[in-house]
N, C-alpha and C. Protein backbone atom coordinates (compact mmCIF):
# COMPACT_ATOMS: atom_id res chain seq x y z
N MET A 1 -83.18 18.58 -2.55
CA MET A 1 -82.05 18.62 -2.17
C MET A 1 -82.22 17.91 -0.87
N ASN A 2 -81.72 16.93 0.01
CA ASN A 2 -82.03 16.37 1.11
C ASN A 2 -81.42 17.14 2.51
N MET A 3 -81.60 17.11 3.36
CA MET A 3 -81.07 17.53 4.56
C MET A 3 -79.62 17.32 4.92
N LEU A 4 -79.21 16.16 4.54
CA LEU A 4 -77.53 15.60 4.55
C LEU A 4 -77.08 16.08 3.51
N SER A 5 -77.32 16.23 2.27
CA SER A 5 -76.86 17.15 1.21
C SER A 5 -76.85 18.39 1.36
N ARG A 6 -77.57 19.02 2.03
CA ARG A 6 -77.56 20.50 2.48
C ARG A 6 -76.13 21.29 3.51
N THR A 7 -76.16 19.91 4.69
CA THR A 7 -75.05 20.14 5.53
C THR A 7 -73.85 19.91 4.79
N CYS A 8 -73.91 18.46 3.71
CA CYS A 8 -72.27 18.49 3.24
C CYS A 8 -72.02 19.83 2.51
N SER A 9 -73.10 20.27 1.62
CA SER A 9 -72.83 21.67 1.18
C SER A 9 -72.08 22.62 1.43
N ALA A 10 -72.93 22.63 2.87
CA ALA A 10 -72.53 23.77 3.83
C ALA A 10 -71.12 23.37 4.41
N ILE A 11 -70.81 22.40 4.64
CA ILE A 11 -69.07 21.87 5.30
C ILE A 11 -68.19 22.28 4.45
N CYS A 12 -68.81 21.65 3.11
CA CYS A 12 -67.50 21.90 2.01
C CYS A 12 -67.74 23.46 1.68
N PHE A 13 -68.19 23.70 1.52
CA PHE A 13 -68.17 25.27 1.20
C PHE A 13 -67.57 26.11 2.41
N LEU A 14 -67.95 26.00 3.70
CA LEU A 14 -66.74 26.80 4.60
C LEU A 14 -65.61 25.84 4.58
N SER A 15 -65.25 25.05 4.42
CA SER A 15 -63.81 24.77 4.13
C SER A 15 -62.97 25.11 3.15
N VAL A 16 -63.41 25.70 2.25
CA VAL A 16 -62.46 26.45 1.64
C VAL A 16 -62.32 27.55 1.65
N LEU A 17 -63.07 28.16 2.28
CA LEU A 17 -63.30 29.79 2.59
C LEU A 17 -62.06 30.27 3.63
N PRO A 18 -61.49 31.28 3.57
CA PRO A 18 -60.42 31.79 4.58
C PRO A 18 -61.08 31.93 5.87
N LEU A 19 -60.04 32.12 6.74
CA LEU A 19 -61.10 32.57 8.21
C LEU A 19 -61.29 33.66 8.12
N GLY A 20 -62.48 34.23 8.20
CA GLY A 20 -62.81 35.68 8.11
C GLY A 20 -63.90 36.07 6.97
N ALA A 21 -63.85 34.96 6.10
CA ALA A 21 -64.32 35.43 4.65
C ALA A 21 -66.19 34.71 4.67
N CYS A 22 -66.19 34.18 6.02
CA CYS A 22 -67.79 33.72 6.18
C CYS A 22 -68.78 35.07 6.28
N ASP A 23 -68.38 36.17 6.60
CA ASP A 23 -69.18 37.47 7.02
C ASP A 23 -69.47 38.42 5.55
N GLY A 24 -68.69 37.43 4.47
CA GLY A 24 -68.83 38.43 2.93
C GLY A 24 -67.79 39.15 2.59
N LYS A 25 -67.13 39.33 3.85
CA LYS A 25 -65.94 39.88 3.77
C LYS A 25 -64.68 39.29 2.97
N PRO A 26 -63.82 39.83 2.81
CA PRO A 26 -62.74 39.48 2.23
C PRO A 26 -61.53 38.87 3.20
N ALA A 27 -61.25 37.86 3.19
CA ALA A 27 -59.87 37.51 4.90
C ALA A 27 -58.85 38.68 4.77
N ALA A 28 -58.37 38.93 5.90
CA ALA A 28 -57.25 39.87 5.88
C ALA A 28 -55.98 39.12 5.42
N PRO A 29 -55.07 39.47 4.75
CA PRO A 29 -54.33 38.80 4.26
C PRO A 29 -52.87 38.48 5.66
N SER A 30 -52.46 37.22 5.60
CA SER A 30 -51.97 36.86 6.83
C SER A 30 -50.25 37.65 6.79
N THR A 31 -50.10 38.10 7.73
CA THR A 31 -48.60 38.31 7.70
C THR A 31 -47.70 37.49 8.54
N PRO A 32 -46.54 37.22 7.78
CA PRO A 32 -45.94 36.11 8.56
C PRO A 32 -45.37 36.78 9.74
N ILE A 33 -44.99 35.69 10.72
CA ILE A 33 -44.61 36.63 12.09
C ILE A 33 -43.24 36.20 12.05
N THR A 34 -42.47 37.43 12.67
CA THR A 34 -40.96 37.46 12.80
C THR A 34 -40.55 37.39 13.97
N LEU A 35 -39.30 36.24 14.18
CA LEU A 35 -38.96 35.87 15.40
C LEU A 35 -37.88 36.60 15.91
N THR A 36 -37.25 36.50 17.00
CA THR A 36 -36.36 37.11 17.35
C THR A 36 -35.20 35.94 17.52
N ALA A 37 -34.11 36.29 17.42
CA ALA A 37 -32.77 35.54 17.10
C ALA A 37 -32.82 34.41 18.48
N PRO A 38 -32.57 33.28 18.07
CA PRO A 38 -32.55 32.02 18.64
C PRO A 38 -31.67 32.25 19.87
N ILE A 39 -32.17 31.86 21.13
CA ILE A 39 -31.33 31.79 22.53
C ILE A 39 -31.73 30.41 23.16
N ALA A 40 -30.34 29.87 23.49
CA ALA A 40 -30.40 28.78 24.42
C ALA A 40 -31.30 28.80 25.67
N MET A 41 -32.03 27.61 25.56
CA MET A 41 -32.89 27.44 26.97
C MET A 41 -32.68 25.86 27.60
N LYS A 42 -32.91 25.85 28.60
CA LYS A 42 -33.14 24.24 29.40
C LYS A 42 -34.28 24.37 29.94
N ILE A 43 -34.91 22.98 29.58
CA ILE A 43 -36.34 22.91 30.04
C ILE A 43 -36.07 21.92 30.66
N PRO A 44 -36.23 21.99 31.97
CA PRO A 44 -36.15 20.60 33.18
C PRO A 44 -37.83 19.62 32.49
N VAL A 45 -37.23 18.66 31.94
CA VAL A 45 -38.63 17.41 32.05
C VAL A 45 -38.53 16.38 32.79
N HIS A 46 -39.30 16.08 33.26
CA HIS A 46 -39.84 14.78 34.37
C HIS A 46 -41.16 13.92 33.90
N GLY A 47 -40.57 12.82 34.40
CA GLY A 47 -41.65 11.78 33.40
C GLY A 47 -40.91 10.86 32.66
N MET A 48 -39.54 11.36 31.95
CA MET A 48 -39.10 10.43 31.07
C MET A 48 -38.59 8.92 31.74
N HIS A 49 -38.61 8.06 30.78
CA HIS A 49 -38.29 6.80 31.38
C HIS A 49 -37.40 6.15 30.72
N CYS A 50 -37.01 6.33 29.23
CA CYS A 50 -36.66 5.57 28.05
C CYS A 50 -36.41 6.27 27.02
N GLU A 51 -35.65 5.92 25.78
CA GLU A 51 -35.42 6.85 24.78
C GLU A 51 -36.37 7.24 23.76
N GLY A 52 -37.47 6.22 23.86
CA GLY A 52 -38.45 6.71 23.32
C GLY A 52 -39.53 7.97 23.59
N CYS A 53 -39.13 8.16 24.68
CA CYS A 53 -39.68 9.43 25.48
C CYS A 53 -38.93 10.21 24.62
N VAL A 54 -37.48 10.47 24.87
CA VAL A 54 -36.66 11.50 24.14
C VAL A 54 -36.94 11.59 23.17
N ASP A 55 -37.07 10.27 21.92
CA ASP A 55 -37.68 10.86 20.70
C ASP A 55 -38.92 11.48 20.67
N ALA A 56 -39.72 11.00 21.44
CA ALA A 56 -41.44 11.72 21.27
C ALA A 56 -41.13 13.48 21.48
N ILE A 57 -40.18 13.61 22.52
CA ILE A 57 -40.10 15.13 22.93
C ILE A 57 -39.25 15.53 21.78
N THR A 58 -38.17 15.18 21.44
CA THR A 58 -37.63 16.04 20.35
C THR A 58 -38.53 15.75 19.00
N ASP A 59 -39.10 15.03 18.49
CA ASP A 59 -39.89 15.20 17.08
C ASP A 59 -40.79 16.50 17.48
N LYS A 60 -41.62 15.98 18.65
CA LYS A 60 -42.70 17.53 19.12
C LYS A 60 -41.74 18.78 18.95
N VAL A 61 -40.98 18.74 19.53
CA VAL A 61 -40.34 20.03 19.66
C VAL A 61 -40.00 20.42 18.32
N MET A 62 -39.31 19.83 17.69
CA MET A 62 -38.78 20.06 15.96
C MET A 62 -39.53 20.50 15.09
N LYS A 63 -41.03 20.25 15.81
CA LYS A 63 -42.31 20.52 14.61
C LYS A 63 -42.38 22.09 14.74
N ILE A 64 -42.12 22.51 15.40
CA ILE A 64 -42.48 24.02 15.86
C ILE A 64 -41.55 25.09 14.89
N ASP A 65 -42.72 25.29 13.99
CA ASP A 65 -41.55 26.41 13.23
C ASP A 65 -40.90 27.53 14.23
N GLY A 66 -39.54 27.55 13.83
CA GLY A 66 -38.52 28.28 14.46
C GLY A 66 -37.62 27.93 15.48
N VAL A 67 -37.93 26.49 16.09
CA VAL A 67 -36.92 25.74 16.78
C VAL A 67 -35.59 25.63 16.08
N LYS A 68 -34.76 25.89 16.51
CA LYS A 68 -33.40 25.30 15.43
C LYS A 68 -32.84 23.97 15.83
N THR A 69 -32.54 23.72 17.26
CA THR A 69 -32.10 22.44 17.66
C THR A 69 -33.03 22.05 18.76
N CYS A 70 -33.08 20.95 19.35
CA CYS A 70 -33.88 20.38 20.32
C CYS A 70 -32.72 18.72 20.82
N VAL A 71 -32.34 19.05 22.13
CA VAL A 71 -31.46 18.10 22.45
C VAL A 71 -31.96 17.33 24.08
N VAL A 72 -32.57 16.39 23.85
CA VAL A 72 -33.17 16.02 25.32
C VAL A 72 -32.12 14.86 25.84
N SER A 73 -32.20 15.05 27.26
CA SER A 73 -31.51 14.20 27.67
C SER A 73 -32.00 13.28 29.08
N LEU A 74 -32.12 12.35 28.66
CA LEU A 74 -32.71 11.52 29.61
C LEU A 74 -31.91 11.55 31.17
N GLU A 75 -31.02 11.16 31.16
CA GLU A 75 -29.99 11.34 32.57
C GLU A 75 -30.01 12.63 33.20
N LYS A 76 -30.12 13.86 32.50
CA LYS A 76 -30.36 14.90 33.22
C LYS A 76 -31.66 15.60 33.38
N SER A 77 -32.78 14.64 32.62
CA SER A 77 -34.18 15.34 32.78
C SER A 77 -34.47 16.80 32.36
N GLU A 78 -33.58 17.01 31.34
CA GLU A 78 -33.93 18.27 30.70
C GLU A 78 -33.67 18.11 29.14
N ALA A 79 -34.31 19.55 28.51
CA ALA A 79 -34.33 19.51 27.40
C ALA A 79 -33.44 20.61 26.90
N ASP A 80 -32.29 20.50 26.24
CA ASP A 80 -31.74 21.91 25.38
C ASP A 80 -32.16 22.46 24.31
N ILE A 81 -32.71 23.40 24.21
CA ILE A 81 -33.16 23.91 23.24
C ILE A 81 -32.88 25.26 22.58
N GLU A 82 -32.49 25.36 21.54
CA GLU A 82 -32.32 26.35 20.37
C GLU A 82 -33.54 27.22 19.69
N ALA A 83 -34.09 27.99 20.32
CA ALA A 83 -35.16 28.53 19.71
C ALA A 83 -35.39 30.44 20.14
N ALA A 84 -36.06 30.64 18.97
CA ALA A 84 -36.44 32.30 19.79
C ALA A 84 -37.04 32.14 21.03
N PRO A 85 -37.03 33.14 21.94
CA PRO A 85 -37.57 32.93 23.37
C PRO A 85 -39.16 33.16 23.09
N GLU A 86 -40.07 34.03 22.23
CA GLU A 86 -41.25 34.00 22.11
C GLU A 86 -41.88 32.88 22.27
N LEU A 87 -41.08 31.31 21.95
CA LEU A 87 -41.63 30.22 21.57
C LEU A 87 -41.58 29.37 22.91
N ARG A 88 -40.80 29.90 23.89
CA ARG A 88 -41.14 28.98 24.98
C ARG A 88 -42.34 28.39 25.44
N VAL A 89 -43.18 29.63 25.69
CA VAL A 89 -44.72 28.66 26.08
C VAL A 89 -44.79 27.56 25.09
N ALA A 90 -44.91 28.02 24.11
CA ALA A 90 -45.38 26.99 22.89
C ALA A 90 -44.50 25.58 22.63
N ILE A 91 -43.28 25.81 22.96
CA ILE A 91 -42.71 24.52 23.39
C ILE A 91 -43.01 23.66 25.16
N GLU A 92 -42.89 24.68 26.03
CA GLU A 92 -43.59 23.93 27.09
C GLU A 92 -44.94 23.12 27.19
N THR A 93 -45.83 23.67 26.52
CA THR A 93 -47.08 23.45 26.10
C THR A 93 -47.24 21.83 25.09
N ALA A 94 -46.25 22.48 24.12
CA ALA A 94 -46.19 21.04 23.39
C ALA A 94 -45.73 19.66 24.41
N ILE A 95 -44.51 19.91 25.03
CA ILE A 95 -43.72 18.68 26.04
C ILE A 95 -44.93 18.60 26.99
N LYS A 96 -45.98 19.31 27.78
CA LYS A 96 -46.89 19.01 28.30
C LYS A 96 -48.14 18.00 27.83
N LYS A 97 -48.40 18.33 26.45
CA LYS A 97 -49.52 17.60 26.14
C LYS A 97 -49.12 15.69 26.04
N LEU A 98 -47.64 15.77 25.92
CA LEU A 98 -47.18 14.79 25.68
C LEU A 98 -47.42 13.92 26.93
N GLY A 99 -47.62 14.59 28.25
CA GLY A 99 -47.61 14.19 29.64
C GLY A 99 -46.62 14.31 30.34
N TYR A 100 -45.54 14.82 30.24
CA TYR A 100 -44.67 15.06 30.61
C TYR A 100 -44.63 16.43 31.85
N LYS A 101 -44.08 16.25 33.21
CA LYS A 101 -43.95 17.37 34.09
C LYS A 101 -42.75 18.48 33.61
N LEU A 102 -43.04 19.67 33.87
CA LEU A 102 -42.09 20.69 33.96
C LEU A 102 -41.85 21.27 35.06
N GLU A 103 -40.63 21.53 35.31
CA GLU A 103 -40.25 22.26 36.94
C GLU A 103 -40.73 23.86 36.79
């Protein structure tokens, strides 16, 4: 077996193992995250200039598990979101990664 074959085999082998199983011990079972009741939050968003911006933010935020609603207003420069309060940092991070600034 040549070096490339060994490397490919190692990568394929590692990619099917659950995280933590590489040390020979079984991975701990994943526990579902329980979120608190959704709340309404307004997040100021700066740098939007068109409906494409609105759609990009809405799509990105709605992909976060636990977000119930997301309405982005170009005119008000804000996002009205209903989600568990512990998701605020994840939501803000997702919007920032799209290139927008938050207050």
